[in-house]
N, C-alpha and C. Protein backbone atom coordinates (compact mmCIF):
# COMPACT_ATOMS: atom_id res chain seq x y z
N UNK A 1 77.57 3.69 77.69
CA UNK A 1 77.05 1.88 78.35
C UNK A 1 78.22 1.63 79.41
N UNK A 2 77.79 0.28 80.32
CA UNK A 2 78.68 -0.80 81.27
C UNK A 2 79.72 -0.70 80.75
N UNK A 3 81.08 -0.79 81.43
CA UNK A 3 82.29 -1.35 81.28
C UNK A 3 82.06 -2.48 81.45
N UNK A 4 80.98 -3.70 81.76
CA UNK A 4 81.18 -4.87 81.39
C UNK A 4 80.45 -4.56 79.48
N UNK A 5 80.02 -3.93 78.97
CA UNK A 5 79.47 -4.51 78.08
C UNK A 5 80.42 -4.31 76.88
N UNK A 6 81.27 -3.63 77.39
CA UNK A 6 82.57 -2.90 76.53
C UNK A 6 83.78 -4.26 76.55
N UNK A 7 83.52 -5.36 77.44
CA UNK A 7 84.50 -6.14 77.91
C UNK A 7 83.44 -7.16 77.00
N UNK A 8 82.28 -6.95 76.95
CA UNK A 8 81.52 -8.08 75.87
C UNK A 8 82.03 -8.37 74.39
N UNK A 9 81.81 -6.71 74.13
CA UNK A 9 82.09 -6.57 72.88
C UNK A 9 83.58 -6.58 72.56
N UNK A 10 84.74 -6.45 73.12
CA UNK A 10 85.84 -6.87 72.79
C UNK A 10 86.54 -8.60 73.10
N UNK A 11 85.32 -8.91 74.13
CA UNK A 11 85.50 -10.63 73.82
C UNK A 11 85.02 -11.39 71.93
N UNK A 12 83.46 -10.10 71.76
CA UNK A 12 83.02 -11.16 70.77
C UNK A 12 84.38 -10.52 69.78
N UNK A 13 84.58 -9.76 69.41
CA UNK A 13 85.87 -9.01 68.29
C UNK A 13 86.90 -9.98 68.25
N UNK A 14 87.63 -10.49 69.46
CA UNK A 14 88.34 -11.31 69.22
C UNK A 14 88.27 -12.58 68.76
N UNK A 15 87.00 -13.12 69.35
CA UNK A 15 86.79 -14.51 69.26
C UNK A 15 86.52 -14.53 67.51
N UNK A 16 85.90 -13.54 67.13
CA UNK A 16 85.15 -12.77 65.66
C UNK A 16 86.87 -12.89 64.86
N UNK A 17 87.39 -12.77 65.35
CA UNK A 17 88.85 -12.42 64.53
C UNK A 17 89.63 -13.94 64.44
N UNK A 18 89.47 -14.74 65.84
CA UNK A 18 90.06 -15.82 65.83
C UNK A 18 89.51 -16.91 64.86
N UNK A 19 88.02 -16.60 64.61
CA UNK A 19 86.80 -17.75 64.19
C UNK A 19 87.84 -17.11 62.51
N UNK A 20 88.01 -15.80 62.24
CA UNK A 20 88.32 -15.77 61.01
C UNK A 20 89.68 -16.17 60.76
N UNK A 21 90.30 -16.96 61.49
CA UNK A 21 92.06 -16.86 61.13
C UNK A 21 91.49 -18.14 60.90
N UNK A 22 91.19 -19.10 61.60
CA UNK A 22 91.11 -20.51 62.08
C UNK A 22 90.37 -20.71 60.82
N UNK A 23 88.74 -20.33 60.16
CA UNK A 23 87.99 -20.57 59.82
C UNK A 23 88.17 -20.07 58.09
N UNK A 24 89.12 -18.78 57.53
CA UNK A 24 88.45 -18.21 56.86
C UNK A 24 87.78 -17.20 56.65
N UNK A 25 87.63 -16.29 55.92
CA UNK A 25 86.38 -15.41 55.80
C UNK A 25 84.97 -15.78 55.23
N UNK A 26 84.79 -17.03 54.44
CA UNK A 26 84.19 -17.75 54.07
C UNK A 26 83.82 -18.67 55.28
N UNK A 27 84.15 -19.25 55.80
CA UNK A 27 83.75 -20.24 57.16
C UNK A 27 82.67 -19.40 58.26
N UNK A 28 83.83 -17.86 58.57
CA UNK A 28 82.77 -17.35 59.20
C UNK A 28 82.22 -16.45 58.86
N UNK A 29 81.47 -16.18 57.59
CA UNK A 29 80.51 -15.92 56.91
C UNK A 29 79.48 -16.70 57.26
N UNK A 30 79.78 -18.25 56.85
CA UNK A 30 78.76 -19.17 56.78
C UNK A 30 78.57 -19.46 58.06
N UNK A 31 78.78 -19.58 59.20
CA UNK A 31 78.82 -19.67 60.92
C UNK A 31 77.95 -18.24 61.55
N UNK A 32 77.58 -17.21 60.97
CA UNK A 32 77.17 -16.04 61.03
C UNK A 32 75.58 -16.08 60.22
N UNK A 33 76.22 -16.60 59.04
CA UNK A 33 74.58 -16.52 58.52
C UNK A 33 73.57 -18.14 59.11
N UNK A 34 74.51 -18.75 59.85
CA UNK A 34 73.35 -20.14 60.38
C UNK A 34 73.37 -19.46 61.90
N UNK A 35 73.88 -18.27 62.53
CA UNK A 35 73.09 -17.98 63.51
C UNK A 35 72.61 -17.15 63.60
N UNK A 36 72.35 -16.33 61.94
CA UNK A 36 70.92 -15.05 62.43
C UNK A 36 70.43 -16.00 61.85
N UNK A 37 70.29 -16.81 61.19
CA UNK A 37 69.27 -18.48 60.21
C UNK A 37 68.50 -18.68 62.14
N UNK A 38 68.93 -19.13 62.54
CA UNK A 38 68.44 -20.02 64.13
C UNK A 38 67.85 -18.51 64.71
N UNK A 39 68.79 -17.62 65.07
CA UNK A 39 68.23 -16.51 65.56
C UNK A 39 66.71 -15.19 65.13
N UNK A 40 67.10 -15.60 63.62
CA UNK A 40 65.24 -15.34 63.37
C UNK A 40 64.67 -16.20 63.43
N UNK A 41 64.31 -17.17 64.32
CA UNK A 41 63.36 -18.63 64.14
C UNK A 41 63.52 -18.43 65.25
N UNK A 42 63.54 -17.97 66.02
CA UNK A 42 63.20 -17.93 67.62
C UNK A 42 62.87 -16.14 67.50
N UNK A 43 63.22 -15.80 67.21
CA UNK A 43 62.57 -14.65 66.84
C UNK A 43 61.03 -14.19 66.82
N UNK A 44 60.92 -14.89 65.43
CA UNK A 44 59.55 -15.76 64.88
C UNK A 44 58.93 -16.30 65.51
N UNK A 45 59.38 -17.36 66.04
CA UNK A 45 58.87 -17.94 66.82
C UNK A 45 57.99 -17.38 68.15
N UNK A 46 59.02 -16.76 69.11
CA UNK A 46 58.68 -16.07 70.20
C UNK A 46 57.04 -14.81 69.81
N UNK A 47 57.95 -13.85 68.61
CA UNK A 47 56.83 -13.77 68.36
C UNK A 47 55.11 -13.98 67.87
N UNK A 48 55.08 -15.33 67.33
CA UNK A 48 54.07 -15.48 66.67
C UNK A 48 53.42 -16.26 68.11
N UNK A 49 54.34 -16.75 68.87
CA UNK A 49 53.59 -17.49 70.02
C UNK A 49 53.05 -16.24 70.74
N UNK A 50 53.57 -14.68 70.60
CA UNK A 50 52.74 -13.54 71.79
C UNK A 50 51.72 -13.58 71.19
N UNK A 51 51.42 -13.09 69.56
CA UNK A 51 50.65 -12.72 68.64
C UNK A 51 49.37 -13.85 68.90
N UNK A 52 49.47 -15.05 69.37
CA UNK A 52 47.94 -15.97 69.27
C UNK A 52 47.84 -16.19 70.79
N UNK A 53 48.91 -16.38 72.35
CA UNK A 53 48.32 -15.45 73.07
C UNK A 53 47.72 -14.36 74.00
N UNK A 54 48.14 -13.74 72.57
CA UNK A 54 47.06 -12.05 72.94
C UNK A 54 45.88 -12.01 71.95
N UNK A 55 45.56 -12.63 71.04
CA UNK A 55 44.09 -12.24 69.98
C UNK A 55 43.07 -12.69 71.13
N UNK A 56 42.28 -12.22 70.58
CA UNK A 56 40.91 -12.29 71.55
C UNK A 56 40.41 -13.87 71.19
N UNK A 57 39.87 -14.39 72.46
CA UNK A 57 39.68 -16.05 71.91
C UNK A 57 37.59 -16.06 72.04
N UNK A 58 37.46 -14.76 72.78
CA UNK A 58 35.87 -14.58 72.77
C UNK A 58 35.08 -14.30 71.45
N UNK A 59 36.11 -13.55 71.06
CA UNK A 59 35.69 -13.28 69.42
C UNK A 59 34.84 -14.08 68.80
N UNK A 60 33.40 -13.56 68.36
CA UNK A 60 32.69 -15.02 67.36
C UNK A 60 33.47 -15.30 66.30
N UNK A 61 32.99 -16.09 65.14
CA UNK A 61 33.47 -16.56 63.92
C UNK A 61 31.69 -16.05 63.59
N UNK A 62 32.12 -15.28 62.26
CA UNK A 62 30.99 -14.78 61.65
C UNK A 62 30.69 -15.82 60.11
N UNK A 63 29.98 -16.30 59.68
CA UNK A 63 30.04 -17.10 58.44
C UNK A 63 30.42 -16.26 57.47
N UNK A 64 30.97 -16.43 56.62
CA UNK A 64 31.27 -15.58 55.59
C UNK A 64 29.98 -16.28 54.51
N UNK A 65 29.78 -15.92 53.45
CA UNK A 65 29.10 -16.04 52.42
C UNK A 65 29.57 -17.10 51.82
N UNK A 66 29.10 -17.60 50.84
CA UNK A 66 29.44 -18.39 49.97
C UNK A 66 29.90 -18.04 48.51
N UNK A 67 31.22 -18.18 47.85
CA UNK A 67 31.38 -16.44 46.79
C UNK A 67 30.35 -17.61 45.94
N UNK A 68 30.11 -16.24 44.74
CA UNK A 68 29.61 -16.48 43.61
C UNK A 68 30.38 -17.25 42.88
N UNK A 69 29.68 -17.88 41.80
CA UNK A 69 30.31 -18.69 41.09
C UNK A 69 30.35 -17.84 39.84
N UNK A 70 31.26 -17.48 39.26
CA UNK A 70 31.67 -16.77 38.00
C UNK A 70 30.59 -17.35 36.25
N UNK A 71 29.57 -16.24 35.72
CA UNK A 71 29.13 -16.46 34.54
C UNK A 71 29.85 -17.07 33.87
N UNK A 72 31.52 -17.15 33.65
CA UNK A 72 31.75 -18.11 32.41
C UNK A 72 32.51 -18.30 33.33
N UNK A 73 32.94 -19.07 31.84
CA UNK A 73 33.50 -20.50 32.17
C UNK A 73 35.37 -19.92 32.94
N UNK A 74 36.39 -20.25 33.85
CA UNK A 74 37.81 -20.16 33.96
C UNK A 74 38.29 -20.01 32.09
N UNK A 75 38.77 -18.70 32.26
CA UNK A 75 39.96 -19.04 31.11
C UNK A 75 40.68 -19.98 30.60
N UNK A 76 41.08 -20.26 29.89
CA UNK A 76 42.50 -21.01 30.19
C UNK A 76 43.44 -20.65 30.49
N UNK A 77 44.02 -19.36 31.00
CA UNK A 77 45.17 -19.13 31.39
C UNK A 77 44.68 -18.57 32.86
N UNK A 78 43.26 -19.13 33.83
CA UNK A 78 43.15 -19.48 34.69
C UNK A 78 43.12 -20.62 34.99
N UNK A 79 43.23 -21.16 34.35
CA UNK A 79 43.39 -23.16 34.44
C UNK A 79 44.41 -23.49 34.62
N UNK A 80 44.74 -25.20 35.47
CA UNK A 80 46.22 -25.37 35.18
C UNK A 80 46.22 -26.34 34.13
N UNK A 81 47.46 -25.94 33.19
CA UNK A 81 47.48 -26.77 31.65
C UNK A 81 49.31 -27.01 31.82
N UNK A 82 49.42 -28.23 31.39
CA UNK A 82 50.93 -28.37 31.05
C UNK A 82 51.72 -27.58 29.97
N UNK A 83 53.13 -27.48 30.25
CA UNK A 83 53.98 -26.33 29.22
C UNK A 83 53.88 -27.07 27.74
N UNK A 84 53.75 -26.29 27.27
CA UNK A 84 53.69 -26.49 25.32
C UNK A 84 55.05 -26.97 24.80
N UNK A 85 55.37 -28.06 23.82
CA UNK A 85 56.52 -28.56 23.70
C UNK A 85 57.42 -27.36 23.21
N UNK A 86 56.41 -25.83 22.97
CA UNK A 86 58.16 -24.86 23.29
C UNK A 86 58.55 -23.74 24.12
N UNK A 87 58.16 -24.25 25.29
CA UNK A 87 59.06 -24.20 26.42
C UNK A 87 59.98 -24.80 26.89
N UNK A 88 60.36 -26.43 27.10
CA UNK A 88 61.29 -27.39 26.94
C UNK A 88 62.29 -26.90 25.77
N UNK A 89 62.14 -27.26 24.35
CA UNK A 89 62.55 -26.89 23.39
C UNK A 89 63.29 -25.63 23.51
N UNK A 90 62.53 -24.53 23.76
CA UNK A 90 63.47 -22.88 24.02
C UNK A 90 64.35 -23.18 25.13
N UNK A 91 63.84 -23.79 25.89
CA UNK A 91 65.29 -23.84 27.38
C UNK A 91 66.23 -24.61 26.85
N UNK A 92 66.26 -25.59 26.04
CA UNK A 92 67.14 -26.78 25.99
C UNK A 92 68.30 -25.91 24.63
N UNK A 93 67.68 -24.81 23.62
CA UNK A 93 68.69 -23.93 22.56
C UNK A 93 68.83 -22.70 23.65
N UNK A 94 68.14 -22.04 24.99
CA UNK A 94 68.82 -21.22 25.07
C UNK A 94 70.20 -21.41 25.87
N UNK A 95 70.13 -22.93 27.10
CA UNK A 95 70.45 -23.48 26.97
C UNK A 95 72.29 -24.07 27.06
N UNK A 96 72.41 -24.34 25.60
CA UNK A 96 73.07 -24.78 25.07
C UNK A 96 73.87 -23.41 23.62
N UNK A 97 73.00 -22.08 22.85
CA UNK A 97 73.50 -21.53 23.06
C UNK A 97 74.18 -20.65 23.95
N UNK A 98 73.96 -20.36 25.52
CA UNK A 98 74.66 -19.86 26.55
C UNK A 98 75.51 -20.53 26.46
N UNK A 99 75.59 -21.47 27.11
CA UNK A 99 76.94 -22.57 27.06
C UNK A 99 77.82 -21.90 25.86
N UNK A 100 77.40 -22.62 24.78
CA UNK A 100 78.75 -22.17 23.84
C UNK A 100 79.22 -20.72 23.86
N UNK A 101 78.10 -19.65 23.87
CA UNK A 101 78.25 -18.15 23.39
C UNK A 101 79.87 -18.01 25.51
N UNK A 102 78.66 -18.29 26.25
CA UNK A 102 79.63 -18.32 26.96
C UNK A 102 81.38 -18.68 27.33
N UNK A 103 80.92 -20.08 27.27
CA UNK A 103 82.62 -20.73 27.05
C UNK A 103 83.89 -20.04 25.57
N UNK A 104 83.29 -19.86 24.62
CA UNK A 104 84.08 -19.79 23.92
C UNK A 104 84.17 -17.73 24.04
N UNK A 105 83.90 -17.04 24.39
CA UNK A 105 83.83 -16.07 24.89
C UNK A 105 84.71 -16.42 25.82
N UNK A 106 84.87 -16.97 26.52
CA UNK A 106 86.04 -16.61 27.59
C UNK A 106 87.38 -16.98 27.62
N UNK A 107 87.21 -18.60 26.26
CA UNK A 107 88.54 -18.44 26.43
C UNK A 107 89.32 -17.87 25.30
N UNK A 108 88.19 -16.88 23.89
CA UNK A 108 88.43 -15.63 22.89
C UNK A 108 89.34 -14.09 23.82
N UNK A 109 88.26 -13.80 24.65
CA UNK A 109 88.45 -12.80 24.95
C UNK A 109 89.07 -12.67 26.64
N UNK A 110 88.98 -13.46 27.57
CA UNK A 110 89.69 -13.53 28.25
C UNK A 110 90.62 -14.87 28.87
N UNK A 111 91.40 -15.71 27.62
CA UNK A 111 91.93 -16.57 27.75
C UNK A 111 92.48 -17.11 28.96
N UNK A 112 90.81 -17.90 29.37
CA UNK A 112 90.71 -18.23 30.35
C UNK A 112 91.26 -19.98 29.95
N UNK A 113 91.07 -20.31 31.50
CA UNK A 113 91.87 -21.75 31.23
C UNK A 113 91.03 -22.57 30.81
N UNK A 114 90.87 -23.91 30.24
CA UNK A 114 90.18 -25.21 29.56
C UNK A 114 88.72 -25.33 31.41
N UNK A 115 89.42 -24.79 32.21
CA UNK A 115 88.28 -25.40 33.59
C UNK A 115 87.38 -23.82 33.86
N UNK A 116 88.74 -22.96 33.60
CA UNK A 116 87.62 -21.63 33.91
C UNK A 116 86.66 -21.81 33.11
N UNK A 117 87.10 -21.82 31.09
CA UNK A 117 86.02 -21.97 30.87
C UNK A 117 85.00 -23.18 30.57
N UNK A 118 85.51 -24.26 31.50
CA UNK A 118 83.59 -25.27 31.01
C UNK A 118 82.82 -24.22 32.25
N UNK A 119 83.69 -23.91 33.02
CA UNK A 119 82.68 -23.84 34.28
C UNK A 119 82.30 -22.02 34.03
N UNK A 120 82.83 -20.75 33.67
CA UNK A 120 82.16 -20.28 32.47
C UNK A 120 80.87 -20.33 31.92
N UNK A 121 80.67 -21.41 30.81
CA UNK A 121 79.86 -22.22 30.30
C UNK A 121 78.84 -22.58 31.12
N UNK A 122 79.07 -23.04 32.00
CA UNK A 122 77.62 -23.80 32.31
C UNK A 122 77.18 -22.59 32.84
N UNK A 123 78.29 -22.30 33.64
CA UNK A 123 77.27 -20.41 34.43
C UNK A 123 76.60 -20.04 32.87
N UNK A 124 77.23 -19.76 31.72
CA UNK A 124 76.10 -19.22 30.46
C UNK A 124 75.33 -19.93 30.65
N UNK A 125 74.99 -21.31 30.57
CA UNK A 125 74.59 -21.90 30.09
C UNK A 125 72.84 -21.85 30.84
N UNK A 126 73.50 -22.18 32.21
CA UNK A 126 72.55 -21.62 33.43
C UNK A 126 71.41 -20.21 33.07
N UNK A 127 72.34 -19.44 32.63
CA UNK A 127 71.91 -18.29 32.14
C UNK A 127 70.39 -18.37 30.20
N UNK A 128 71.28 -18.89 30.13
CA UNK A 128 70.92 -19.04 28.67
C UNK A 128 69.29 -19.67 28.88
N UNK A 129 69.40 -20.94 29.60
CA UNK A 129 68.44 -21.95 29.49
C UNK A 129 67.04 -20.58 30.97
N UNK A 130 67.66 -20.13 31.26
CA UNK A 130 66.51 -19.53 32.23
C UNK A 130 65.82 -17.86 31.44
N UNK A 131 66.86 -17.67 30.34
CA UNK A 131 66.60 -16.56 29.33
C UNK A 131 65.73 -17.28 28.36
N UNK A 132 65.89 -18.45 27.88
CA UNK A 132 65.09 -19.50 27.35
C UNK A 132 63.19 -19.76 27.29
N UNK A 133 64.08 -20.20 28.91
CA UNK A 133 62.03 -20.39 29.36
C UNK A 133 61.59 -19.51 29.73
N UNK A 134 61.96 -18.03 29.82
CA UNK A 134 61.43 -16.88 30.61
C UNK A 134 60.77 -16.13 29.06
N UNK A 135 60.94 -16.71 27.91
CA UNK A 135 61.24 -15.78 26.33
C UNK A 135 59.81 -16.85 25.87
N UNK A 136 60.29 -18.62 25.90
CA UNK A 136 59.14 -18.85 25.72
C UNK A 136 57.86 -18.95 26.32
N UNK A 137 57.74 -19.12 27.36
CA UNK A 137 56.79 -18.29 29.03
C UNK A 137 55.81 -17.94 28.53
N UNK A 138 56.49 -16.48 28.35
CA UNK A 138 55.73 -15.69 27.96
C UNK A 138 55.05 -14.96 26.39
N UNK A 139 56.75 -16.18 25.57
CA UNK A 139 55.48 -16.01 24.10
C UNK A 139 54.07 -16.75 24.44
N UNK A 140 53.87 -17.93 25.24
CA UNK A 140 53.37 -18.69 24.74
C UNK A 140 51.92 -18.51 25.96
N UNK A 141 52.33 -16.93 26.79
CA UNK A 141 51.11 -16.26 27.51
C UNK A 141 50.53 -15.30 26.51
N UNK A 142 51.40 -14.70 26.15
CA UNK A 142 50.60 -13.32 24.74
C UNK A 142 49.53 -14.31 23.54
N UNK A 143 50.25 -15.81 23.61
CA UNK A 143 49.69 -16.74 21.98
C UNK A 143 48.42 -16.82 23.08
N UNK A 144 48.15 -17.14 23.80
CA UNK A 144 46.87 -17.95 24.53
C UNK A 144 46.35 -16.69 24.81
N UNK A 145 45.92 -16.23 25.38
CA UNK A 145 45.32 -14.21 25.18
C UNK A 145 45.58 -13.73 24.29
N UNK A 146 46.10 -13.69 23.24
CA UNK A 146 45.88 -13.46 21.67
C UNK A 146 44.43 -14.36 21.17
N UNK A 147 44.63 -15.14 21.55
CA UNK A 147 43.92 -16.72 20.87
C UNK A 147 42.44 -16.96 21.62
N UNK A 148 42.76 -16.54 23.15
CA UNK A 148 41.21 -16.57 24.11
C UNK A 148 40.52 -14.82 23.61
N UNK A 149 41.30 -13.66 22.84
CA UNK A 149 40.61 -12.72 23.12
C UNK A 149 40.15 -12.96 21.57
N UNK A 150 40.33 -13.41 20.67
CA UNK A 150 39.81 -13.32 19.21
C UNK A 150 38.57 -14.56 19.23
N UNK A 151 38.95 -15.50 19.73
CA UNK A 151 37.64 -16.49 20.61
C UNK A 151 36.53 -15.57 20.64
N UNK A 152 36.25 -15.05 21.55
CA UNK A 152 35.54 -14.41 22.87
C UNK A 152 35.09 -12.92 21.62
N UNK A 153 35.57 -12.46 20.74
CA UNK A 153 35.39 -11.29 19.68
C UNK A 153 34.49 -12.36 18.42
N UNK A 154 34.86 -13.58 18.35
CA UNK A 154 33.83 -14.11 17.14
C UNK A 154 32.64 -14.70 17.80
N UNK A 155 33.01 -15.44 19.92
CA UNK A 155 31.22 -15.35 19.64
C UNK A 155 29.97 -14.09 20.42
N UNK A 156 31.29 -12.82 20.50
CA UNK A 156 29.60 -12.13 20.17
C UNK A 156 29.30 -11.50 19.30
């Protein structure tokens, strides 16, 4: 490498150390993430423009045949349907159970402060709600699939 490249690297390292001292490590990481996001946006835009410009515009558009309509109507899982009442109830129960369990565990086992227990309980509530939602959604999908399979078996 040339000497000027090393000089620029040394300057960049000095600026980085100064920024860490001034902003703190979290602020510096935020600046790095922001700069990387802008750089990736510019790079993606440049790549997309290059690909668009290099595409062969002389190609004729070949019409595609119309898609065949399926003989059977779409199944329940292929349609958009609202959530059953089980999903929000399970989400709420999971959030409540996770929050209570997480808060009590932090108080009893880790001897956390009340503020720490509330924050940890809120985090546990989010995880419990997510687990409740996923479990109820899986149960709903299995229940619907079995119900449709049994109905199809009776029709046959």
